[in-house]
Amino acid sequence: QVLLVESGGGLVQAGGSLRLSCEASGRTFRGHAMAWFRQALGKEREFVAGVSWSGGSTYYADSVKGRFTISRDNVKNTMYLQMNSLQPEDTAIYYCAADRWGDYGHQHRRLQTDFGSWGQGTQVTVSS
């Protein structure tokens, strides 16, 4: 299992930016597709962005496309989420996740059931 720890959350005004980090340890990080999910109060957890094992392929939920950028550094065992033009509706707990297989695949995985390792979450609050 890949151990994941998120950081970088906080309080920001609408229109501002934050950069989330997800540091991995334990089982090899490199072969896993990774993703960010978020869960707002009273809502279900939803997919935000994903990245292939190499970092060469990225994909996003429509709600964040053009504002958020996902990336990873396989040397540092760290994934990032750069969030720009934040809006109050982006307020949520953000979770990073690693896929179950670590098979160097290229599928665009978006389902929570595709991911077997999860971080504890980091709170992002956007004030209007």
C-alpha atoms as a PDB file:
ATOM      1  CA  GLN A   1       0.000   0.000   0.000  1.00  0.00           C
ATOM      2  CA  VAL A   2       1.167   3.500  -0.799  1.00  0.00           C
ATOM      3  CA  LEU A   3       1.089   5.845   2.204  1.00  0.00           C
ATOM      4  CA  LEU A   4      -0.103   9.335   1.304  1.00  0.00           C
ATOM      5  CA  VAL A   5       0.018  12.625   3.206  1.00  0.00           C
ATOM      6  CA  GLU A   6      -1.557  15.823   1.849  1.00  0.00           C
ATOM      7  CA  SER A   7      -0.544  19.358   2.723  1.00  0.00           C
ATOM      8  CA  GLY A   8      -1.058  22.902   1.480  1.00  0.00           C
ATOM      9  CA  GLY A   9      -4.704  23.483   2.279  1.00  0.00           C
ATOM     10  CA  GLY A  10      -5.943  26.637   3.924  1.00  0.00           C
ATOM     11  CA  LEU A  11      -8.210  29.667   3.726  1.00  0.00           C
ATOM     12  CA  VAL A  12      -8.106  31.851   0.620  1.00  0.00           C
ATOM     13  CA  GLN A  13     -10.281  34.562  -0.883  1.00  0.00           C
ATOM     14  CA  ALA A  14     -12.222  34.003  -4.075  1.00  0.00           C
ATOM     15  CA  GLY A  15      -9.948  34.436  -7.057  1.00  0.00           C
ATOM     16  CA  GLY A  16      -6.897  33.324  -5.115  1.00  0.00           C
ATOM     17  CA  SER A  17      -4.614  30.328  -5.510  1.00  0.00           C
ATOM     18  CA  LEU A  18      -3.378  27.391  -3.480  1.00  0.00           C
ATOM     19  CA  ARG A  19      -0.991  24.545  -4.192  1.00  0.00           C
ATOM     20  CA  LEU A  20      -1.676  21.184  -2.631  1.00  0.00           C
ATOM     21  CA  SER A  21       1.005  18.537  -2.223  1.00  0.00           C
ATOM     22  CA  CYS A  22       0.688  14.795  -1.693  1.00  0.00           C
ATOM     23  CA  GLU A  23       3.802  13.022  -0.475  1.00  0.00           C
ATOM     24  CA  ALA A  24       3.985   9.264  -0.925  1.00  0.00           C
ATOM     25  CA  SER A  25       5.955   6.648   0.981  1.00  0.00           C
ATOM     26  CA  GLY A  26       5.877   2.906   1.465  1.00  0.00           C
ATOM     27  CA  ARG A  27       5.196   0.904  -1.664  1.00  0.00           C
ATOM     28  CA  THR A  28       6.633   2.229  -4.935  1.00  0.00           C
ATOM     29  CA  PHE A  29       4.852   5.380  -6.000  1.00  0.00           C
ATOM     30  CA  ARG A  30       6.119   5.427  -9.539  1.00  0.00           C
ATOM     31  CA  GLY A  31       3.851   2.888 -11.257  1.00  0.00           C
ATOM     32  CA  HIS A  32       0.590   4.195  -9.849  1.00  0.00           C
ATOM     33  CA  ALA A  33      -1.844   6.512 -11.519  1.00  0.00           C
ATOM     34  CA  MET A  34      -2.766   9.203  -9.016  1.00  0.00           C
ATOM     35  CA  ALA A  35      -5.713  11.489  -8.507  1.00  0.00           C
ATOM     36  CA  TRP A  36      -7.230  14.221  -6.403  1.00  0.00           C
ATOM     37  CA  PHE A  37     -10.762  13.943  -5.086  1.00  0.00           C
ATOM     38  CA  ARG A  38     -12.729  16.361  -2.926  1.00  0.00           C
ATOM     39  CA  GLN A  39     -15.679  16.211  -0.596  1.00  0.00           C
ATOM     40  CA  ALA A  40     -17.735  19.251   0.324  1.00  0.00           C
ATOM     41  CA  LEU A  41     -19.823  19.307   3.469  1.00  0.00           C
ATOM     42  CA  GLY A  42     -22.990  17.298   2.945  1.00  0.00           C
ATOM     43  CA  LYS A  43     -21.956  16.087  -0.504  1.00  0.00           C
ATOM     44  CA  GLU A  44     -20.418  12.947  -1.920  1.00  0.00           C
ATOM     45  CA  ARG A  45     -16.731  12.712  -2.683  1.00  0.00           C
ATOM     46  CA  GLU A  46     -16.023  13.621  -6.293  1.00  0.00           C
ATOM     47  CA  PHE A  47     -13.181  13.264  -8.747  1.00  0.00           C
ATOM     48  CA  VAL A  48     -11.165  16.433  -9.401  1.00  0.00           C
ATOM     49  CA  ALA A  49      -8.085  15.548 -11.444  1.00  0.00           C
ATOM     50  CA  GLY A  50      -5.939  12.570 -12.386  1.00  0.00           C
ATOM     51  CA  VAL A  51      -2.436  11.944 -13.691  1.00  0.00           C
ATOM     52  CA  SER A  52      -0.843   8.901 -15.296  1.00  0.00           C
ATOM     53  CA  TRP A  53       2.105   7.132 -13.705  1.00  0.00           C
ATOM     54  CA  SER A  54       4.572   9.050 -15.871  1.00  0.00           C
ATOM     55  CA  GLY A  55       2.896  12.422 -15.517  1.00  0.00           C
ATOM     56  CA  GLY A  56       2.484  12.562 -19.266  1.00  0.00           C
ATOM     57  CA  SER A  57      -1.296  12.335 -19.253  1.00  0.00           C
ATOM     58  CA  THR A  58      -3.585  14.496 -17.138  1.00  0.00           C
ATOM     59  CA  TYR A  59      -7.358  14.779 -17.014  1.00  0.00           C
ATOM     60  CA  TYR A  60      -9.843  16.888 -15.114  1.00  0.00           C
ATOM     61  CA  ALA A  61     -13.411  17.247 -13.981  1.00  0.00           C
ATOM     62  CA  ASP A  62     -15.242  19.824 -16.079  1.00  0.00           C
ATOM     63  CA  SER A  63     -15.751  22.014 -13.011  1.00  0.00           C
ATOM     64  CA  VAL A  64     -12.009  22.636 -12.586  1.00  0.00           C
ATOM     65  CA  LYS A  65     -10.722  22.398 -16.156  1.00  0.00           C
ATOM     66  CA  GLY A  66      -8.666  25.441 -17.033  1.00  0.00           C
ATOM     67  CA  ARG A  67      -8.242  26.469 -13.400  1.00  0.00           C
ATOM     68  CA  PHE A  68      -6.499  23.500 -11.766  1.00  0.00           C
ATOM     69  CA  THR A  69      -3.302  21.761 -12.836  1.00  0.00           C
ATOM     70  CA  ILE A  70      -2.214  18.337 -11.611  1.00  0.00           C
ATOM     71  CA  SER A  71       1.390  17.205 -11.789  1.00  0.00           C
ATOM     72  CA  ARG A  72       3.786  14.760 -10.166  1.00  0.00           C
ATOM     73  CA  ASP A  73       7.478  14.330  -9.476  1.00  0.00           C
ATOM     74  CA  ASN A  74       8.428  10.661  -9.362  1.00  0.00           C
ATOM     75  CA  VAL A  75      11.882  11.468  -8.002  1.00  0.00           C
ATOM     76  CA  LYS A  76      10.404  13.305  -5.022  1.00  0.00           C
ATOM     77  CA  ASN A  77       7.478  10.855  -4.718  1.00  0.00           C
ATOM     78  CA  THR A  78       5.136  13.826  -4.654  1.00  0.00           C
ATOM     79  CA  MET A  79       2.001  14.862  -6.522  1.00  0.00           C
ATOM     80  CA  TYR A  80       0.699  18.407  -6.744  1.00  0.00           C
ATOM     81  CA  LEU A  81      -2.511  20.263  -7.455  1.00  0.00           C
ATOM     82  CA  GLN A  82      -2.140  23.901  -8.439  1.00  0.00           C
ATOM     83  CA  MET A  83      -5.490  25.600  -7.938  1.00  0.00           C
ATOM     84  CA  ASN A  84      -6.063  29.030  -9.467  1.00  0.00           C
ATOM     85  CA  SER A  85      -9.134  31.266  -9.685  1.00  0.00           C
ATOM     86  CA  LEU A  86     -10.604  29.544  -6.661  1.00  0.00           C
ATOM     87  CA  GLN A  87     -14.302  29.959  -6.007  1.00  0.00           C
ATOM     88  CA  PRO A  88     -16.417  29.342  -2.895  1.00  0.00           C
ATOM     89  CA  GLU A  89     -17.797  26.192  -4.519  1.00  0.00           C
ATOM     90  CA  ASP A  90     -14.262  24.756  -4.438  1.00  0.00           C
ATOM     91  CA  THR A  91     -14.470  24.632  -0.647  1.00  0.00           C
ATOM     92  CA  ALA A  92     -13.994  21.012   0.400  1.00  0.00           C
ATOM     93  CA  ILE A  93     -11.656  18.506   1.938  1.00  0.00           C
ATOM     94  CA  TYR A  94      -9.201  17.456  -0.760  1.00  0.00           C
ATOM     95  CA  TYR A  95      -7.867  13.896  -0.837  1.00  0.00           C
ATOM     96  CA  CYS A  96      -5.085  12.395  -2.858  1.00  0.00           C
ATOM     97  CA  ALA A  97      -5.296   8.776  -3.963  1.00  0.00           C
ATOM     98  CA  ALA A  98      -3.176   6.122  -5.654  1.00  0.00           C
ATOM     99  CA  ASP A  99      -4.691   3.494  -7.921  1.00  0.00           C
ATOM    100  CA  ARG A 100      -4.980  -0.126  -6.810  1.00  0.00           C
ATOM    101  CA  TRP A 101      -2.716  -1.679  -9.412  1.00  0.00           C
ATOM    102  CA  GLY A 102       0.508   0.272  -9.845  1.00  0.00           C
ATOM    103  CA  ASP A 103       0.736  -1.337 -13.284  1.00  0.00           C
ATOM    104  CA  TYR A 104       2.132   1.621 -15.232  1.00  0.00           C
ATOM    105  CA  GLY A 105      -1.186   1.821 -17.046  1.00  0.00           C
ATOM    106  CA  HIS A 106      -2.519   4.746 -19.017  1.00  0.00           C
ATOM    107  CA  GLN A 107      -6.234   4.486 -18.307  1.00  0.00           C
ATOM    108  CA  HIS A 108      -7.979   7.648 -17.160  1.00  0.00           C
ATOM    109  CA  ARG A 109      -9.259   6.361 -13.846  1.00  0.00           C
ATOM    110  CA  ARG A 110     -11.950   8.452 -12.142  1.00  0.00           C
ATOM    111  CA  LEU A 111     -13.905   6.052  -9.951  1.00  0.00           C
ATOM    112  CA  GLN A 112     -13.184   5.964  -6.236  1.00  0.00           C
ATOM    113  CA  THR A 113     -13.182   2.175  -6.398  1.00  0.00           C
ATOM    114  CA  ASP A 114     -10.168   2.317  -8.747  1.00  0.00           C
ATOM    115  CA  PHE A 115      -8.056   3.803  -5.960  1.00  0.00           C
ATOM    116  CA  GLY A 116      -6.796   1.751  -3.047  1.00  0.00           C
ATOM    117  CA  SER A 117      -4.651   4.191  -1.102  1.00  0.00           C
ATOM    118  CA  TRP A 118      -5.924   7.471   0.294  1.00  0.00           C
ATOM    119  CA  GLY A 119      -4.518  10.351   2.279  1.00  0.00           C
ATOM    120  CA  GLN A 120      -6.179  11.840   5.321  1.00  0.00           C
ATOM    121  CA  GLY A 121      -7.320  14.964   3.469  1.00  0.00           C
ATOM    122  CA  THR A 122      -6.556  18.667   3.649  1.00  0.00           C
ATOM    123  CA  GLN A 123      -9.175  21.389   4.062  1.00  0.00           C
ATOM    124  CA  VAL A 124      -9.531  24.094   1.426  1.00  0.00           C
ATOM    125  CA  THR A 125     -11.831  26.981   2.259  1.00  0.00           C
ATOM    126  CA  VAL A 126     -12.579  29.752  -0.238  1.00  0.00           C
ATOM    127  CA  SER A 127     -14.293  32.857   1.099  1.00  0.00           C
ATOM    128  CA  SER A 128     -16.422  35.112  -1.062  1.00  0.00           C
END
